[in-house]
Amino acid sequence: MTNTEWHHIDDDECRRFQSSVELVGKRWSSGILLAIAQGAVRFSEILATVTGLSDRLLSQRLKELEHSGLVERDVIATTPVQVRYHLTESGADLMRSLQPLVSWGQRWGTPAWNGPGRARAAQTEAPAERARGGQDAGAAASGDADAHGAAAIIGA
């Protein structure tokens, strides 16, 4: 893509894009969306699928995702009351649009999981070096439970 192809993006489009990226990039949001997309419908199922996520944060993120129109909450009037979550049409469309980003991450690594400066080093390390302290070791050293949770869901 050339620089001239980006000139048609105006300020409003840029702000909408930034808001979208910030929502999806918020800690735990993408893991929750992916868990729901893969069939987790109850609070406890989502919680079990996204490793390291607390009850409080799941409740908070579900409210945010519902408010954003990506997730819908259905209350089933039974005893006890059942609550089920599913992606809205907008949420399902978002998950489809994120697939190229997942593919990019599989191809190029995920710089955020590697820590500062590790992305380039991970691409150039020899396989033996990678086995001793490559990408997963970087995530473990940083203590980033969200990275591990997302990796477990995505299957990376």
C-alpha atoms as a PDB file:
ATOM      1  CA  MET A   1       0.000   0.000   0.000  1.00  0.00           C
ATOM      2  CA  THR A   2       1.382   3.382  -0.946  1.00  0.00           C
ATOM      3  CA  ASN A   3       1.198   6.558   1.109  1.00  0.00           C
ATOM      4  CA  THR A   4      -1.329   8.034  -1.333  1.00  0.00           C
ATOM      5  CA  GLU A   5      -3.863   5.330  -0.436  1.00  0.00           C
ATOM      6  CA  TRP A   6      -3.988   6.631   3.142  1.00  0.00           C
ATOM      7  CA  HIS A   7      -4.879  10.198   2.134  1.00  0.00           C
ATOM      8  CA  HIS A   8      -8.581   9.395   1.841  1.00  0.00           C
ATOM      9  CA  ILE A   9      -8.868   8.714   5.605  1.00  0.00           C
ATOM     10  CA  ASP A  10     -10.300  11.838   7.216  1.00  0.00           C
ATOM     11  CA  ASP A  11     -10.122  12.878  10.877  1.00  0.00           C
ATOM     12  CA  ASP A  12     -13.524  11.381  11.772  1.00  0.00           C
ATOM     13  CA  GLU A  13     -12.584   8.020  10.260  1.00  0.00           C
ATOM     14  CA  CYS A  14      -9.287   8.111  12.116  1.00  0.00           C
ATOM     15  CA  ARG A  15     -11.060   8.763  15.443  1.00  0.00           C
ATOM     16  CA  ARG A  16     -13.529   5.909  14.811  1.00  0.00           C
ATOM     17  CA  PHE A  17     -10.635   3.600  13.974  1.00  0.00           C
ATOM     18  CA  GLN A  18      -8.744   4.627  17.112  1.00  0.00           C
ATOM     19  CA  SER A  19     -11.812   4.055  19.304  1.00  0.00           C
ATOM     20  CA  SER A  20     -12.312   0.608  17.785  1.00  0.00           C
ATOM     21  CA  VAL A  21      -8.689  -0.402  18.285  1.00  0.00           C
ATOM     22  CA  GLU A  22      -8.735   0.846  21.873  1.00  0.00           C
ATOM     23  CA  LEU A  23     -11.901  -1.120  22.659  1.00  0.00           C
ATOM     24  CA  VAL A  24     -10.619  -4.381  21.200  1.00  0.00           C
ATOM     25  CA  GLY A  25      -7.110  -3.811  22.517  1.00  0.00           C
ATOM     26  CA  LYS A  26      -8.304  -3.222  26.067  1.00  0.00           C
ATOM     27  CA  ARG A  27      -6.960  -5.935  28.319  1.00  0.00           C
ATOM     28  CA  TRP A  28      -9.117  -9.095  28.206  1.00  0.00           C
ATOM     29  CA  SER A  29     -11.630  -7.772  25.641  1.00  0.00           C
ATOM     30  CA  SER A  30     -10.328  -9.720  22.656  1.00  0.00           C
ATOM     31  CA  GLY A  31     -10.026 -12.914  24.713  1.00  0.00           C
ATOM     32  CA  ILE A  32     -13.618 -12.547  25.905  1.00  0.00           C
ATOM     33  CA  LEU A  33     -14.882 -11.899  22.373  1.00  0.00           C
ATOM     34  CA  LEU A  34     -12.973 -14.901  21.088  1.00  0.00           C
ATOM     35  CA  ALA A  35     -14.289 -17.141  23.872  1.00  0.00           C
ATOM     36  CA  ILE A  36     -17.865 -16.153  23.021  1.00  0.00           C
ATOM     37  CA  ALA A  37     -17.199 -16.594  19.298  1.00  0.00           C
ATOM     38  CA  GLN A  38     -15.935 -20.108  20.011  1.00  0.00           C
ATOM     39  CA  GLY A  39     -19.088 -21.064  21.895  1.00  0.00           C
ATOM     40  CA  ALA A  40     -18.740 -19.993  25.537  1.00  0.00           C
ATOM     41  CA  VAL A  41     -22.137 -18.509  26.413  1.00  0.00           C
ATOM     42  CA  ARG A  42     -22.332 -18.472  30.201  1.00  0.00           C
ATOM     43  CA  PHE A  43     -20.301 -16.292  32.548  1.00  0.00           C
ATOM     44  CA  SER A  44     -18.575 -19.323  34.085  1.00  0.00           C
ATOM     45  CA  GLU A  45     -17.698 -20.747  30.640  1.00  0.00           C
ATOM     46  CA  ILE A  46     -16.115 -17.479  29.527  1.00  0.00           C
ATOM     47  CA  LEU A  47     -14.239 -17.219  32.825  1.00  0.00           C
ATOM     48  CA  ALA A  48     -12.911 -20.777  32.442  1.00  0.00           C
ATOM     49  CA  THR A  49     -11.846 -20.155  28.840  1.00  0.00           C
ATOM     50  CA  VAL A  50      -9.861 -16.949  29.401  1.00  0.00           C
ATOM     51  CA  THR A  51      -6.985 -17.922  31.680  1.00  0.00           C
ATOM     52  CA  GLY A  52      -6.125 -15.374  34.378  1.00  0.00           C
ATOM     53  CA  LEU A  53      -9.312 -13.301  34.075  1.00  0.00           C
ATOM     54  CA  SER A  54     -11.049 -12.400  37.360  1.00  0.00           C
ATOM     55  CA  ASP A  55     -14.816 -12.394  37.971  1.00  0.00           C
ATOM     56  CA  ARG A  56     -14.795  -8.640  38.568  1.00  0.00           C
ATOM     57  CA  LEU A  57     -12.935  -7.820  35.342  1.00  0.00           C
ATOM     58  CA  LEU A  58     -15.064 -10.204  33.288  1.00  0.00           C
ATOM     59  CA  SER A  59     -18.205  -8.539  34.598  1.00  0.00           C
ATOM     60  CA  GLN A  60     -16.790  -5.088  33.816  1.00  0.00           C
ATOM     61  CA  ARG A  61     -15.616  -6.010  30.295  1.00  0.00           C
ATOM     62  CA  LEU A  62     -18.894  -7.748  29.439  1.00  0.00           C
ATOM     63  CA  LYS A  63     -20.779  -4.568  30.374  1.00  0.00           C
ATOM     64  CA  GLU A  64     -18.423  -2.500  28.197  1.00  0.00           C
ATOM     65  CA  LEU A  65     -18.731  -4.890  25.255  1.00  0.00           C
ATOM     66  CA  GLU A  66     -22.517  -4.944  25.649  1.00  0.00           C
ATOM     67  CA  HIS A  67     -22.638  -1.137  25.800  1.00  0.00           C
ATOM     68  CA  SER A  68     -20.492  -1.011  22.635  1.00  0.00           C
ATOM     69  CA  GLY A  69     -22.952  -3.244  20.806  1.00  0.00           C
ATOM     70  CA  LEU A  70     -20.541  -6.153  20.326  1.00  0.00           C
ATOM     71  CA  VAL A  71     -22.081  -8.568  22.840  1.00  0.00           C
ATOM     72  CA  GLU A  72     -25.696  -9.151  23.745  1.00  0.00           C
ATOM     73  CA  ARG A  73     -26.829 -10.397  27.154  1.00  0.00           C
ATOM     74  CA  ASP A  74     -29.903 -12.636  27.275  1.00  0.00           C
ATOM     75  CA  VAL A  75     -31.634 -13.204  30.605  1.00  0.00           C
ATOM     76  CA  ILE A  76     -33.677 -16.406  30.697  1.00  0.00           C
ATOM     77  CA  ALA A  77     -36.434 -16.310  33.316  1.00  0.00           C
ATOM     78  CA  THR A  78     -35.919 -19.664  34.989  1.00  0.00           C
ATOM     79  CA  THR A  79     -35.180 -20.645  38.560  1.00  0.00           C
ATOM     80  CA  PRO A  80     -32.383 -19.845  39.010  1.00  0.00           C
ATOM     81  CA  VAL A  81     -32.144 -17.104  36.390  1.00  0.00           C
ATOM     82  CA  GLN A  82     -29.806 -17.939  33.515  1.00  0.00           C
ATOM     83  CA  VAL A  83     -27.732 -15.348  31.691  1.00  0.00           C
ATOM     84  CA  ARG A  84     -26.219 -16.122  28.302  1.00  0.00           C
ATOM     85  CA  TYR A  85     -23.974 -14.009  26.103  1.00  0.00           C
ATOM     86  CA  HIS A  86     -23.574 -14.015  22.352  1.00  0.00           C
ATOM     87  CA  LEU A  87     -21.959 -11.836  19.728  1.00  0.00           C
ATOM     88  CA  THR A  88     -24.138  -9.338  17.948  1.00  0.00           C
ATOM     89  CA  GLU A  89     -23.898  -9.037  14.180  1.00  0.00           C
ATOM     90  CA  SER A  90     -21.409  -6.227  14.763  1.00  0.00           C
ATOM     91  CA  GLY A  91     -19.362  -8.383  17.163  1.00  0.00           C
ATOM     92  CA  ALA A  92     -19.269 -11.311  14.742  1.00  0.00           C
ATOM     93  CA  ASP A  93     -18.214  -8.957  11.941  1.00  0.00           C
ATOM     94  CA  LEU A  94     -15.438  -7.595  14.162  1.00  0.00           C
ATOM     95  CA  MET A  95     -14.158 -11.113  14.889  1.00  0.00           C
ATOM     96  CA  ARG A  96     -14.059 -11.886  11.154  1.00  0.00           C
ATOM     97  CA  SER A  97     -12.190  -8.646  10.483  1.00  0.00           C
ATOM     98  CA  LEU A  98      -9.578  -9.500  13.155  1.00  0.00           C
ATOM     99  CA  GLN A  99      -8.616 -12.788  11.470  1.00  0.00           C
ATOM    100  CA  PRO A 100      -5.970 -11.114   9.251  1.00  0.00           C
ATOM    101  CA  LEU A 101      -4.406  -9.638  12.397  1.00  0.00           C
ATOM    102  CA  VAL A 102      -4.217 -13.116  13.960  1.00  0.00           C
ATOM    103  CA  SER A 103      -2.542 -14.371  10.782  1.00  0.00           C
ATOM    104  CA  TRP A 104      -0.103 -11.457  10.908  1.00  0.00           C
ATOM    105  CA  GLY A 105       0.751 -12.313  14.515  1.00  0.00           C
ATOM    106  CA  GLN A 106       1.386 -15.943  13.598  1.00  0.00           C
ATOM    107  CA  ARG A 107       3.676 -14.892  10.784  1.00  0.00           C
ATOM    108  CA  TRP A 108       5.608 -12.054  12.409  1.00  0.00           C
ATOM    109  CA  GLY A 109       5.334 -12.821  16.091  1.00  0.00           C
ATOM    110  CA  THR A 110       3.575 -10.629  18.558  1.00  0.00           C
ATOM    111  CA  PRO A 111       5.851  -7.770  19.645  1.00  0.00           C
ATOM    112  CA  ALA A 112       3.824  -6.880  22.756  1.00  0.00           C
ATOM    113  CA  TRP A 113       4.375 -10.367  24.179  1.00  0.00           C
ATOM    114  CA  ASN A 114       8.101 -10.141  23.605  1.00  0.00           C
ATOM    115  CA  GLY A 115       8.682  -6.938  25.519  1.00  0.00           C
ATOM    116  CA  PRO A 116      10.506  -3.858  24.218  1.00  0.00           C
ATOM    117  CA  GLY A 117      13.025  -4.618  21.517  1.00  0.00           C
ATOM    118  CA  ARG A 118      12.283  -8.345  21.445  1.00  0.00           C
ATOM    119  CA  ALA A 119      10.209  -8.389  18.245  1.00  0.00           C
ATOM    120  CA  ARG A 120      13.155  -7.824  15.929  1.00  0.00           C
ATOM    121  CA  ALA A 121      15.408 -10.119  17.957  1.00  0.00           C
ATOM    122  CA  ALA A 122      12.808 -12.909  17.848  1.00  0.00           C
ATOM    123  CA  GLN A 123      12.760 -12.733  14.048  1.00  0.00           C
ATOM    124  CA  THR A 124      16.545 -13.016  13.775  1.00  0.00           C
ATOM    125  CA  GLU A 125      17.335 -15.486  16.586  1.00  0.00           C
ATOM    126  CA  ALA A 126      18.579 -18.902  15.631  1.00  0.00           C
ATOM    127  CA  PRO A 127      16.140 -21.760  16.419  1.00  0.00           C
ATOM    128  CA  ALA A 128      18.319 -22.973  19.327  1.00  0.00           C
ATOM    129  CA  GLU A 129      18.308 -19.485  20.863  1.00  0.00           C
ATOM    130  CA  ARG A 130      14.555 -19.304  20.444  1.00  0.00           C
ATOM    131  CA  ALA A 131      14.147 -22.631  22.239  1.00  0.00           C
ATOM    132  CA  ARG A 132      16.172 -21.336  25.214  1.00  0.00           C
ATOM    133  CA  GLY A 133      14.443 -17.965  25.603  1.00  0.00           C
ATOM    134  CA  GLY A 134      12.264 -17.063  22.690  1.00  0.00           C
ATOM    135  CA  GLN A 135       8.827 -15.528  22.507  1.00  0.00           C
ATOM    136  CA  ASP A 136       7.068 -17.548  25.242  1.00  0.00           C
ATOM    137  CA  ALA A 137       9.899 -16.943  27.684  1.00  0.00           C
ATOM    138  CA  GLY A 138       9.540 -13.206  27.077  1.00  0.00           C
ATOM    139  CA  ALA A 139       5.851 -13.340  27.912  1.00  0.00           C
ATOM    140  CA  ALA A 140       6.466 -15.442  30.998  1.00  0.00           C
ATOM    141  CA  ALA A 141       9.182 -13.073  32.202  1.00  0.00           C
ATOM    142  CA  SER A 142       6.887 -10.083  31.816  1.00  0.00           C
ATOM    143  CA  GLY A 143       4.156 -11.844  33.795  1.00  0.00           C
ATOM    144  CA  ASP A 144       1.600 -10.987  31.140  1.00  0.00           C
ATOM    145  CA  ALA A 145      -1.244 -13.363  31.958  1.00  0.00           C
ATOM    146  CA  ASP A 146      -3.427 -11.775  29.262  1.00  0.00           C
ATOM    147  CA  ALA A 147      -0.949 -12.796  26.581  1.00  0.00           C
ATOM    148  CA  HIS A 148      -0.993 -16.384  27.791  1.00  0.00           C
ATOM    149  CA  GLY A 149      -4.789 -16.402  27.991  1.00  0.00           C
ATOM    150  CA  ALA A 150      -5.170 -15.103  24.457  1.00  0.00           C
ATOM    151  CA  ALA A 151      -2.522 -17.504  23.168  1.00  0.00           C
ATOM    152  CA  ALA A 152      -4.344 -20.422  24.774  1.00  0.00           C
ATOM    153  CA  ILE A 153      -7.651 -19.411  23.182  1.00  0.00           C
ATOM    154  CA  ILE A 154      -6.214 -18.705  19.745  1.00  0.00           C
ATOM    155  CA  GLY A 155      -4.196 -21.900  19.853  1.00  0.00           C
ATOM    156  CA  ALA A 156      -0.888 -20.160  19.179  1.00  0.00           C
END
